PDB file of all heavy atoms in Angstrom:
ATOM      1  N   ASP A   1       6.100  42.934 -17.943  1.00  0.00           N
ATOM      2  CA  ASP A   1       5.017  43.103 -16.978  1.00  0.00           C
ATOM      3  C   ASP A   1       3.662  42.742 -17.570  1.00  0.00           C
ATOM      4  O   ASP A   1       2.720  42.439 -16.830  1.00  0.00           O
ATOM      5  CB  ASP A   1       4.990  44.540 -16.450  1.00  0.00           C
ATOM      6  CG  ASP A   1       6.055  44.786 -15.387  1.00  0.00           C
ATOM      7  OD1 ASP A   1       6.526  43.802 -14.793  1.00  0.00           O
ATOM      8  OD2 ASP A   1       6.420  45.948 -15.159  1.00  0.00           O
ATOM      9  N   ALA A   2       3.550  42.771 -18.878  1.00  0.00           N
ATOM     10  CA  ALA A   2       2.293  42.380 -19.521  1.00  0.00           C
ATOM     11  C   ALA A   2       1.912  40.943 -19.177  1.00  0.00           C
ATOM     12  O   ALA A   2       0.732  40.585 -19.174  1.00  0.00           O
ATOM     13  CB  ALA A   2       2.400  42.539 -21.041  1.00  0.00           C
ATOM     14  N   TYR A   3       2.931  40.120 -18.865  1.00  0.00           N
ATOM     15  CA  TYR A   3       2.682  38.721 -18.518  1.00  0.00           C
ATOM     16  C   TYR A   3       2.659  38.493 -17.006  1.00  0.00           C
ATOM     17  O   TYR A   3       2.424  37.375 -16.556  1.00  0.00           O
ATOM     18  CB  TYR A   3       3.727  37.824 -19.186  1.00  0.00           C
ATOM     19  CG  TYR A   3       3.613  37.879 -20.686  1.00  0.00           C
ATOM     20  CD1 TYR A   3       4.403  38.757 -21.433  1.00  0.00           C
ATOM     21  CD2 TYR A   3       2.676  37.107 -21.359  1.00  0.00           C
ATOM     22  CE1 TYR A   3       4.271  38.848 -22.808  1.00  0.00           C
ATOM     23  CE2 TYR A   3       2.537  37.188 -22.736  1.00  0.00           C
ATOM     24  CZ  TYR A   3       3.331  38.067 -23.451  1.00  0.00           C
ATOM     25  OH  TYR A   3       3.187  38.163 -24.816  1.00  0.00           O
ATOM     26  N   VAL A   4       2.889  39.538 -16.234  1.00  0.00           N
ATOM     27  CA  VAL A   4       2.818  39.460 -14.775  1.00  0.00           C
ATOM     28  C   VAL A   4       1.453  39.926 -14.287  1.00  0.00           C
ATOM     29  O   VAL A   4       0.831  39.299 -13.421  1.00  0.00           O
ATOM     30  CB  VAL A   4       3.940  40.308 -14.128  1.00  0.00           C
ATOM     31  CG1 VAL A   4       3.772  40.348 -12.613  1.00  0.00           C
ATOM     32  CG2 VAL A   4       5.315  39.753 -14.493  1.00  0.00           C
ATOM     33  N   ILE A   5       0.966  41.025 -14.843  1.00  0.00           N
ATOM     34  CA  ILE A   5      -0.256  41.665 -14.356  1.00  0.00           C
ATOM     35  C   ILE A   5      -1.460  40.721 -14.297  1.00  0.00           C
ATOM     36  O   ILE A   5      -2.198  40.731 -13.299  1.00  0.00           O
ATOM     37  CB  ILE A   5      -0.560  42.922 -15.199  1.00  0.00           C
ATOM     38  CG1 ILE A   5       0.468  44.014 -14.879  1.00  0.00           C
ATOM     39  CG2 ILE A   5      -1.970  43.440 -14.931  1.00  0.00           C
ATOM     40  CD1 ILE A   5       0.383  45.244 -15.775  1.00  0.00           C
ATOM     41  N   PRO A   6      -1.727  39.874 -15.313  1.00  0.00           N
ATOM     42  CA  PRO A   6      -2.912  39.005 -15.197  1.00  0.00           C
ATOM     43  C   PRO A   6      -2.905  38.099 -13.973  1.00  0.00           C
ATOM     44  O   PRO A   6      -3.976  37.718 -13.475  1.00  0.00           O
ATOM     45  CB  PRO A   6      -2.860  38.191 -16.498  1.00  0.00           C
ATOM     46  CG  PRO A   6      -2.157  39.077 -17.463  1.00  0.00           C
ATOM     47  CD  PRO A   6      -1.097  39.761 -16.644  1.00  0.00           C
ATOM     48  N   HIS A   7      -1.723  37.780 -13.461  1.00  0.00           N
ATOM     49  CA  HIS A   7      -1.646  36.941 -12.269  1.00  0.00           C
ATOM     50  C   HIS A   7      -2.194  37.651 -11.027  1.00  0.00           C
ATOM     51  O   HIS A   7      -2.509  37.005 -10.030  1.00  0.00           O
ATOM     52  CB  HIS A   7      -0.190  36.527 -12.008  1.00  0.00           C
ATOM     53  CG  HIS A   7       0.354  35.551 -13.010  1.00  0.00           C
ATOM     54  ND1 HIS A   7      -0.104  34.263 -13.121  1.00  0.00           N
ATOM     55  CD2 HIS A   7       1.321  35.689 -13.956  1.00  0.00           C
ATOM     56  CE1 HIS A   7       0.556  33.639 -14.081  1.00  0.00           C
ATOM     57  NE2 HIS A   7       1.426  34.485 -14.598  1.00  0.00           N
ATOM     58  N   PHE A   8      -2.293  38.967 -11.080  1.00  0.00           N
ATOM     59  CA  PHE A   8      -2.790  39.726  -9.935  1.00  0.00           C
ATOM     60  C   PHE A   8      -4.305  39.676  -9.808  1.00  0.00           C
ATOM     61  O   PHE A   8      -4.860  40.071  -8.782  1.00  0.00           O
ATOM     62  CB  PHE A   8      -2.374  41.203 -10.033  1.00  0.00           C
ATOM     63  CG  PHE A   8      -0.900  41.462 -10.055  1.00  0.00           C
ATOM     64  CD1 PHE A   8      -0.402  42.683 -10.493  1.00  0.00           C
ATOM     65  CD2 PHE A   8       0.009  40.504  -9.644  1.00  0.00           C
ATOM     66  CE1 PHE A   8       0.962  42.937 -10.513  1.00  0.00           C
ATOM     67  CE2 PHE A   8       1.380  40.743  -9.670  1.00  0.00           C
ATOM     68  CZ  PHE A   8       1.849  41.971 -10.096  1.00  0.00           C
ATOM     69  N   ALA A   9      -4.986  39.216 -10.841  1.00  0.00           N
ATOM     70  CA  ALA A   9      -6.449  39.317 -10.873  1.00  0.00           C
ATOM     71  C   ALA A   9      -7.142  38.314  -9.961  1.00  0.00           C
ATOM     72  O   ALA A   9      -8.292  38.522  -9.562  1.00  0.00           O
ATOM     73  CB  ALA A   9      -6.951  39.146 -12.308  1.00  0.00           C
ATOM     74  N   GLY A  10      -6.458  37.224  -9.652  1.00  0.00           N
ATOM     75  CA  GLY A  10      -7.083  36.207  -8.809  1.00  0.00           C
ATOM     76  C   GLY A  10      -8.156  35.413  -9.537  1.00  0.00           C
ATOM     77  O   GLY A  10      -9.007  34.785  -8.903  1.00  0.00           O
ATOM     78  N   MET A  11      -8.132  35.433 -10.874  1.00  0.00           N
ATOM     79  CA  MET A  11      -9.094  34.684 -11.683  1.00  0.00           C
ATOM     80  C   MET A  11      -8.352  33.762 -12.637  1.00  0.00           C
ATOM     81  O   MET A  11      -7.239  34.053 -13.059  1.00  0.00           O
ATOM     82  CB  MET A  11      -9.990  35.656 -12.476  1.00  0.00           C
ATOM     83  CG  MET A  11     -10.928  36.481 -11.627  1.00  0.00           C
ATOM     84  SD  MET A  11     -11.911  37.674 -12.582  1.00  0.00           S
ATOM     85  CE  MET A  11     -10.732  39.041 -12.768  1.00  0.00           C
ATOM     86  N   GLU A  12      -8.998  32.673 -12.978  1.00  0.00           N
ATOM     87  CA  GLU A  12      -8.375  31.684 -13.864  1.00  0.00           C
ATOM     88  C   GLU A  12      -8.295  32.232 -15.285  1.00  0.00           C
ATOM     89  O   GLU A  12      -9.222  32.880 -15.772  1.00  0.00           O
ATOM     90  CB  GLU A  12      -9.196  30.400 -13.840  1.00  0.00           C
ATOM     91  CG  GLU A  12      -8.535  29.225 -14.536  1.00  0.00           C
ATOM     92  CD  GLU A  12      -9.349  27.953 -14.431  1.00  0.00           C
ATOM     93  OE1 GLU A  12     -10.557  28.038 -14.108  1.00  0.00           O
ATOM     94  OE2 GLU A  12      -8.786  26.876 -14.689  1.00  0.00           O
ATOM     95  N   PHE A  13      -7.180  31.948 -15.961  1.00  0.00           N
ATOM     96  CA  PHE A  13      -7.002  32.357 -17.356  1.00  0.00           C
ATOM     97  C   PHE A  13      -5.958  31.475 -18.003  1.00  0.00           C
ATOM     98  O   PHE A  13      -5.253  30.707 -17.328  1.00  0.00           O
ATOM     99  CB  PHE A  13      -6.580  33.839 -17.440  1.00  0.00           C
ATOM    100  CG  PHE A  13      -5.161  34.109 -16.993  1.00  0.00           C
ATOM    101  CD1 PHE A  13      -4.130  34.208 -17.922  1.00  0.00           C
ATOM    102  CD2 PHE A  13      -4.843  34.263 -15.650  1.00  0.00           C
ATOM    103  CE1 PHE A  13      -2.828  34.459 -17.525  1.00  0.00           C
ATOM    104  CE2 PHE A  13      -3.536  34.511 -15.242  1.00  0.00           C
ATOM    105  CZ  PHE A  13      -2.528  34.609 -16.178  1.00  0.00           C
ATOM    106  N   ALA A  14      -5.845  31.597 -19.317  1.00  0.00           N
ATOM    107  CA  ALA A  14      -4.795  30.877 -20.050  1.00  0.00           C
ATOM    108  C   ALA A  14      -4.431  31.680 -21.287  1.00  0.00           C
ATOM    109  O   ALA A  14      -5.316  32.208 -21.978  1.00  0.00           O
ATOM    110  CB  ALA A  14      -5.256  29.482 -20.449  1.00  0.00           C
ATOM    111  N   TYR A  15      -3.150  31.773 -21.577  1.00  0.00           N
ATOM    112  CA  TYR A  15      -2.708  32.467 -22.787  1.00  0.00           C
ATOM    113  C   TYR A  15      -3.088  31.649 -24.018  1.00  0.00           C
ATOM    114  O   TYR A  15      -3.028  30.413 -24.008  1.00  0.00           O
ATOM    115  CB  TYR A  15      -1.203  32.714 -22.744  1.00  0.00           C
ATOM    116  CG  TYR A  15      -0.812  33.722 -21.696  1.00  0.00           C
ATOM    117  CD1 TYR A  15      -0.160  33.333 -20.518  1.00  0.00           C
ATOM    118  CD2 TYR A  15      -1.134  35.059 -21.853  1.00  0.00           C
ATOM    119  CE1 TYR A  15       0.170  34.259 -19.542  1.00  0.00           C
ATOM    120  CE2 TYR A  15      -0.809  35.995 -20.879  1.00  0.00           C
ATOM    121  CZ  TYR A  15      -0.161  35.588 -19.723  1.00  0.00           C
ATOM    122  OH  TYR A  15       0.146  36.520 -18.756  1.00  0.00           O
ATOM    123  N   THR A  16      -3.476  32.357 -25.078  1.00  0.00           N
ATOM    124  CA  THR A  16      -3.951  31.700 -26.293  1.00  0.00           C
ATOM    125  C   THR A  16      -3.485  32.483 -27.516  1.00  0.00           C
ATOM    126  O   THR A  16      -2.792  33.487 -27.383  1.00  0.00           O
ATOM    127  CB  THR A  16      -5.488  31.580 -26.263  1.00  0.00           C
ATOM    128  OG1 THR A  16      -5.931  30.798 -27.376  1.00  0.00           O
ATOM    129  CG2 THR A  16      -6.161  32.950 -26.322  1.00  0.00           C
ATOM    130  N   GLU A  17      -3.853  31.997 -28.712  1.00  0.00           N
ATOM    131  CA  GLU A  17      -3.518  32.660 -29.969  1.00  0.00           C
ATOM    132  C   GLU A  17      -2.001  32.939 -30.082  1.00  0.00           C
ATOM    133  O   GLU A  17      -1.213  32.059 -29.834  1.00  0.00           O
ATOM    134  CB  GLU A  17      -4.349  33.949 -30.117  1.00  0.00           C
ATOM    135  CG  GLU A  17      -5.854  33.728 -30.087  1.00  0.00           C
ATOM    136  CD  GLU A  17      -6.380  33.028 -31.324  1.00  0.00           C
ATOM    137  OE1 GLU A  17      -5.767  33.180 -32.405  1.00  0.00           O
ATOM    138  OE2 GLU A  17      -7.417  32.342 -31.228  1.00  0.00           O
ATOM    139  N   ILE A  18      -1.613  34.161 -30.420  1.00  0.00           N
ATOM    140  CA  ILE A  18      -0.192  34.493 -30.558  1.00  0.00           C
ATOM    141  C   ILE A  18       0.569  34.161 -29.281  1.00  0.00           C
ATOM    142  O   ILE A  18       1.701  33.682 -29.313  1.00  0.00           O
ATOM    143  CB  ILE A  18      -0.002  35.980 -30.905  1.00  0.00           C
ATOM    144  CG1 ILE A  18      -0.582  36.305 -32.286  1.00  0.00           C
ATOM    145  CG2 ILE A  18       1.482  36.371 -30.873  1.00  0.00           C
ATOM    146  CD1 ILE A  18      -0.574  37.786 -32.612  1.00  0.00           C
ATOM    147  N   ASP A  19      -0.074  34.409 -28.138  1.00  0.00           N
ATOM    148  CA  ASP A  19       0.629  34.205 -26.875  1.00  0.00           C
ATOM    149  C   ASP A  19       0.795  32.735 -26.516  1.00  0.00           C
ATOM    150  O   ASP A  19       1.705  32.390 -25.749  1.00  0.00           O
ATOM    151  CB  ASP A  19      -0.074  34.963 -25.754  1.00  0.00           C
ATOM    152  CG  ASP A  19       0.247  36.442 -25.827  1.00  0.00           C
ATOM    153  OD1 ASP A  19       1.438  36.781 -25.760  1.00  0.00           O
ATOM    154  OD2 ASP A  19      -0.674  37.260 -25.990  1.00  0.00           O
ATOM    155  N   ALA A  20      -0.053  31.867 -27.038  1.00  0.00           N
ATOM    156  CA  ALA A  20       0.186  30.441 -26.840  1.00  0.00           C
ATOM    157  C   ALA A  20       1.494  30.039 -27.518  1.00  0.00           C
ATOM    158  O   ALA A  20       2.324  29.328 -26.937  1.00  0.00           O
ATOM    159  CB  ALA A  20      -0.984  29.626 -27.390  1.00  0.00           C
ATOM    160  N   ALA A  21       1.687  30.517 -28.747  1.00  0.00           N
ATOM    161  CA  ALA A  21       2.946  30.245 -29.449  1.00  0.00           C
ATOM    162  C   ALA A  21       4.117  30.890 -28.724  1.00  0.00           C
ATOM    163  O   ALA A  21       5.197  30.298 -28.592  1.00  0.00           O
ATOM    164  CB  ALA A  21       2.861  30.757 -30.886  1.00  0.00           C
ATOM    165  N   TYR A  22       3.911  32.108 -28.231  1.00  0.00           N
ATOM    166  CA  TYR A  22       4.973  32.834 -27.527  1.00  0.00           C
ATOM    167  C   TYR A  22       5.399  32.090 -26.257  1.00  0.00           C
ATOM    168  O   TYR A  22       6.593  31.930 -25.983  1.00  0.00           O
ATOM    169  CB  TYR A  22       4.460  34.231 -27.174  1.00  0.00           C
ATOM    170  CG  TYR A  22       5.431  35.099 -26.412  1.00  0.00           C
ATOM    171  CD1 TYR A  22       6.506  35.709 -27.042  1.00  0.00           C
ATOM    172  CD2 TYR A  22       5.263  35.322 -25.044  1.00  0.00           C
ATOM    173  CE1 TYR A  22       7.395  36.506 -26.352  1.00  0.00           C
ATOM    174  CE2 TYR A  22       6.152  36.125 -24.336  1.00  0.00           C
ATOM    175  CZ  TYR A  22       7.211  36.711 -24.995  1.00  0.00           C
ATOM    176  OH  TYR A  22       8.087  37.507 -24.292  1.00  0.00           O
ATOM    177  N   VAL A  23       4.424  31.602 -25.493  1.00  0.00           N
ATOM    178  CA  VAL A  23       4.746  30.913 -24.231  1.00  0.00           C
ATOM    179  C   VAL A  23       5.381  29.552 -24.485  1.00  0.00           C
ATOM    180  O   VAL A  23       6.397  29.196 -23.874  1.00  0.00           O
ATOM    181  CB  VAL A  23       3.480  30.776 -23.352  1.00  0.00           C
ATOM    182  CG1 VAL A  23       3.758  29.877 -22.141  1.00  0.00           C
ATOM    183  CG2 VAL A  23       3.009  32.151 -22.875  1.00  0.00           C
ATOM    184  N   TRP A  24       4.787  28.765 -25.400  1.00  0.00           N
ATOM    185  CA  TRP A  24       5.328  27.425 -25.654  1.00  0.00           C
ATOM    186  C   TRP A  24       6.728  27.464 -26.268  1.00  0.00           C
ATOM    187  O   TRP A  24       7.496  26.506 -26.120  1.00  0.00           O
ATOM    188  CB  TRP A  24       4.387  26.627 -26.550  1.00  0.00           C
ATOM    189  CG  TRP A  24       3.244  25.998 -25.798  1.00  0.00           C
ATOM    190  CD1 TRP A  24       1.931  26.360 -25.831  1.00  0.00           C
ATOM    191  CD2 TRP A  24       3.328  24.889 -24.899  1.00  0.00           C
ATOM    192  NE1 TRP A  24       1.178  25.560 -24.998  1.00  0.00           N
ATOM    193  CE2 TRP A  24       2.010  24.638 -24.413  1.00  0.00           C
ATOM    194  CE3 TRP A  24       4.370  24.087 -24.442  1.00  0.00           C
ATOM    195  CZ2 TRP A  24       1.724  23.622 -23.506  1.00  0.00           C
ATOM    196  CZ3 TRP A  24       4.085  23.071 -23.530  1.00  0.00           C
ATOM    197  CH2 TRP A  24       2.778  22.840 -23.079  1.00  0.00           C
ATOM    198  N   THR A  25       7.074  28.574 -26.943  1.00  0.00           N
ATOM    199  CA  THR A  25       8.437  28.698 -27.493  1.00  0.00           C
ATOM    200  C   THR A  25       9.337  29.486 -26.547  1.00  0.00           C
ATOM    201  O   THR A  25      10.418  29.918 -26.941  1.00  0.00           O
ATOM    202  CB  THR A  25       8.423  29.376 -28.879  1.00  0.00           C
ATOM    203  OG1 THR A  25       7.862  30.691 -28.757  1.00  0.00           O
ATOM    204  CG2 THR A  25       7.624  28.560 -29.878  1.00  0.00           C
ATOM    205  N   HIS A  26       8.887  29.665 -25.299  1.00  0.00           N
ATOM    206  CA  HIS A  26       9.670  30.376 -24.271  1.00  0.00           C
ATOM    207  C   HIS A  26      10.080  31.773 -24.728  1.00  0.00           C
ATOM    208  O   HIS A  26      11.202  32.226 -24.484  1.00  0.00           O
ATOM    209  CB  HIS A  26      10.923  29.567 -23.891  1.00  0.00           C
ATOM    210  CG  HIS A  26      10.657  28.114 -23.627  1.00  0.00           C
ATOM    211  ND1 HIS A  26       9.961  27.671 -22.525  1.00  0.00           N
ATOM    212  CD2 HIS A  26      10.962  27.002 -24.356  1.00  0.00           C
ATOM    213  CE1 HIS A  26       9.865  26.345 -22.562  1.00  0.00           C
ATOM    214  NE2 HIS A  26      10.460  25.920 -23.663  1.00  0.00           N
ATOM    215  N   GLY A  27       9.151  32.442 -25.395  1.00  0.00           N
ATOM    216  CA  GLY A  27       9.434  33.791 -25.873  1.00  0.00           C
ATOM    217  C   GLY A  27      10.245  33.831 -27.150  1.00  0.00           C
ATOM    218  O   GLY A  27      10.683  34.901 -27.584  1.00  0.00           O
ATOM    219  N   GLY A  28      10.413  32.683 -27.791  1.00  0.00           N
ATOM    220  CA  GLY A  28      11.250  32.619 -28.988  1.00  0.00           C
ATOM    221  C   GLY A  28      10.538  32.993 -30.268  1.00  0.00           C
ATOM    222  O   GLY A  28      11.175  33.112 -31.319  1.00  0.00           O
ATOM    223  N   PHE A  29       9.211  33.188 -30.190  1.00  0.00           N
ATOM    224  CA  PHE A  29       8.460  33.509 -31.406  1.00  0.00           C
ATOM    225  C   PHE A  29       7.552  34.705 -31.165  1.00  0.00           C
ATOM    226  O   PHE A  29       6.771  34.730 -30.209  1.00  0.00           O
ATOM    227  CB  PHE A  29       7.607  32.315 -31.848  1.00  0.00           C
ATOM    228  CG  PHE A  29       6.742  32.611 -33.047  1.00  0.00           C
ATOM    229  CD1 PHE A  29       7.266  32.614 -34.323  1.00  0.00           C
ATOM    230  CD2 PHE A  29       5.394  32.909 -32.890  1.00  0.00           C
ATOM    231  CE1 PHE A  29       6.476  32.891 -35.435  1.00  0.00           C
ATOM    232  CE2 PHE A  29       4.595  33.184 -33.984  1.00  0.00           C
ATOM    233  CZ  PHE A  29       5.141  33.176 -35.258  1.00  0.00           C
ATOM    234  N   GLN A  30       7.670  35.699 -32.008  1.00  0.00           N
ATOM    235  CA  GLN A  30       6.791  36.864 -31.995  1.00  0.00           C
ATOM    236  C   GLN A  30       6.300  37.116 -33.410  1.00  0.00           C
ATOM    237  O   GLN A  30       7.024  36.875 -34.385  1.00  0.00           O
ATOM    238  CB  GLN A  30       7.539  38.115 -31.507  1.00  0.00           C
ATOM    239  CG  GLN A  30       7.675  38.209 -29.995  1.00  0.00           C
ATOM    240  CD  GLN A  30       6.386  38.659 -29.327  1.00  0.00           C
ATOM    241  OE1 GLN A  30       5.297  38.466 -29.847  1.00  0.00           O
ATOM    242  NE2 GLN A  30       6.508  39.257 -28.164  1.00  0.00           N
ATOM    243  N   ILE A  31       5.085  37.628 -33.515  1.00  0.00           N
ATOM    244  CA  ILE A  31       4.550  37.975 -34.827  1.00  0.00           C
ATOM    245  C   ILE A  31       3.498  39.068 -34.663  1.00  0.00           C
ATOM    246  O   ILE A  31       2.727  39.070 -33.700  1.00  0.00           O
ATOM    247  CB  ILE A  31       3.919  36.738 -35.513  1.00  0.00           C
ATOM    248  CG1 ILE A  31       3.490  37.072 -36.949  1.00  0.00           C
ATOM    249  CG2 ILE A  31       2.745  36.197 -34.721  1.00  0.00           C
ATOM    250  CD1 ILE A  31       3.011  35.878 -37.742  1.00  0.00           C
ATOM    251  N   ALA A  32       3.531  40.009 -35.577  1.00  0.00           N
ATOM    252  CA  ALA A  32       2.474  41.034 -35.693  1.00  0.00           C
ATOM    253  C   ALA A  32       2.286  41.836 -34.415  1.00  0.00           C
ATOM    254  O   ALA A  32       1.179  42.240 -34.079  1.00  0.00           O
ATOM    255  CB  ALA A  32       1.153  40.378 -36.114  1.00  0.00           C
ATOM    256  N   ARG A  33       3.382  42.084 -33.689  1.00  0.00           N
ATOM    257  CA  ARG A  33       3.310  42.933 -32.498  1.00  0.00           C
ATOM    258  C   ARG A  33       4.537  43.827 -32.457  1.00  0.00           C
ATOM    259  O   ARG A  33       5.582  43.500 -33.004  1.00  0.00           O
ATOM    260  CB  ARG A  33       3.240  42.101 -31.208  1.00  0.00           C
ATOM    261  CG  ARG A  33       1.962  41.327 -31.053  1.00  0.00           C
ATOM    262  CD  ARG A  33       1.746  40.829 -29.645  1.00  0.00           C
ATOM    263  NE  ARG A  33       2.580  39.696 -29.291  1.00  0.00           N
ATOM    264  CZ  ARG A  33       2.278  38.815 -28.339  1.00  0.00           C
ATOM    265  NH1 ARG A  33       1.162  38.968 -27.657  1.00  0.00           N
ATOM    266  NH2 ARG A  33       3.080  37.821 -28.052  1.00  0.00           N
ATOM    267  N   SER A  34       4.379  44.961 -31.772  1.00  0.00           N
ATOM    268  CA  SER A  34       5.497  45.881 -31.599  1.00  0.00           C
ATOM    269  C   SER A  34       5.406  46.481 -30.202  1.00  0.00           C
ATOM    270  O   SER A  34       4.421  46.290 -29.484  1.00  0.00           O
ATOM    271  CB  SER A  34       5.444  47.002 -32.645  1.00  0.00           C
ATOM    272  OG  SER A  34       4.308  47.838 -32.413  1.00  0.00           O
ATOM    273  N   HIS A  35       6.435  47.213 -29.804  1.00  0.00           N
ATOM    274  CA  HIS A  35       6.424  47.848 -28.482  1.00  0.00           C
ATOM    275  C   HIS A  35       5.301  48.870 -28.363  1.00  0.00           C
ATOM    276  O   HIS A  35       4.796  49.124 -27.267  1.00  0.00           O
ATOM    277  CB  HIS A  35       7.775  48.513 -28.212  1.00  0.00           C
ATOM    278  CG  HIS A  35       8.897  47.529 -28.004  1.00  0.00           C
ATOM    279  ND1 HIS A  35       8.938  46.667 -26.928  1.00  0.00           N
ATOM    280  CD2 HIS A  35      10.000  47.253 -28.742  1.00  0.00           C
ATOM    281  CE1 HIS A  35      10.017  45.914 -27.006  1.00  0.00           C
ATOM    282  NE2 HIS A  35      10.690  46.249 -28.099  1.00  0.00           N
ATOM    283  N   ASP A  36       4.896  49.447 -29.477  1.00  0.00           N
ATOM    284  CA  ASP A  36       3.829  50.460 -29.451  1.00  0.00           C
ATOM    285  C   ASP A  36       2.439  49.855 -29.578  1.00  0.00           C
ATOM    286  O   ASP A  36       1.447  50.533 -29.317  1.00  0.00           O
ATOM    287  CB  ASP A  36       4.052  51.471 -30.586  1.00  0.00           C
ATOM    288  CG  ASP A  36       5.337  52.260 -30.418  1.00  0.00           C
ATOM    289  OD1 ASP A  36       5.741  52.497 -29.268  1.00  0.00           O
ATOM    290  OD2 ASP A  36       5.945  52.626 -31.443  1.00  0.00           O
ATOM    291  N   ASP A  37       2.365  48.612 -29.992  1.00  0.00           N
ATOM    292  CA  ASP A  37       1.077  47.938 -30.184  1.00  0.00           C
ATOM    293  C   ASP A  37       1.246  46.493 -29.756  1.00  0.00           C
ATOM    294  O   ASP A  37       1.614  45.628 -30.550  1.00  0.00           O
ATOM    295  CB  ASP A  37       0.645  48.037 -31.655  1.00  0.00           C
ATOM    296  CG  ASP A  37      -0.657  47.296 -31.920  1.00  0.00           C
ATOM    297  OD1 ASP A  37      -1.448  47.120 -30.973  1.00  0.00           O
ATOM    298  OD2 ASP A  37      -0.886  46.900 -33.086  1.00  0.00           O
TER     299      ASP A  37
END
């Protein structure tokens, strides 16, 4: 849902930094994140 909620804002955005890698690898790459953070 963390990747669904921004779509509700009705404003333009783009994923960047860690999430750019996460999106371009179709969720295949994660780094320095956990379920609690």
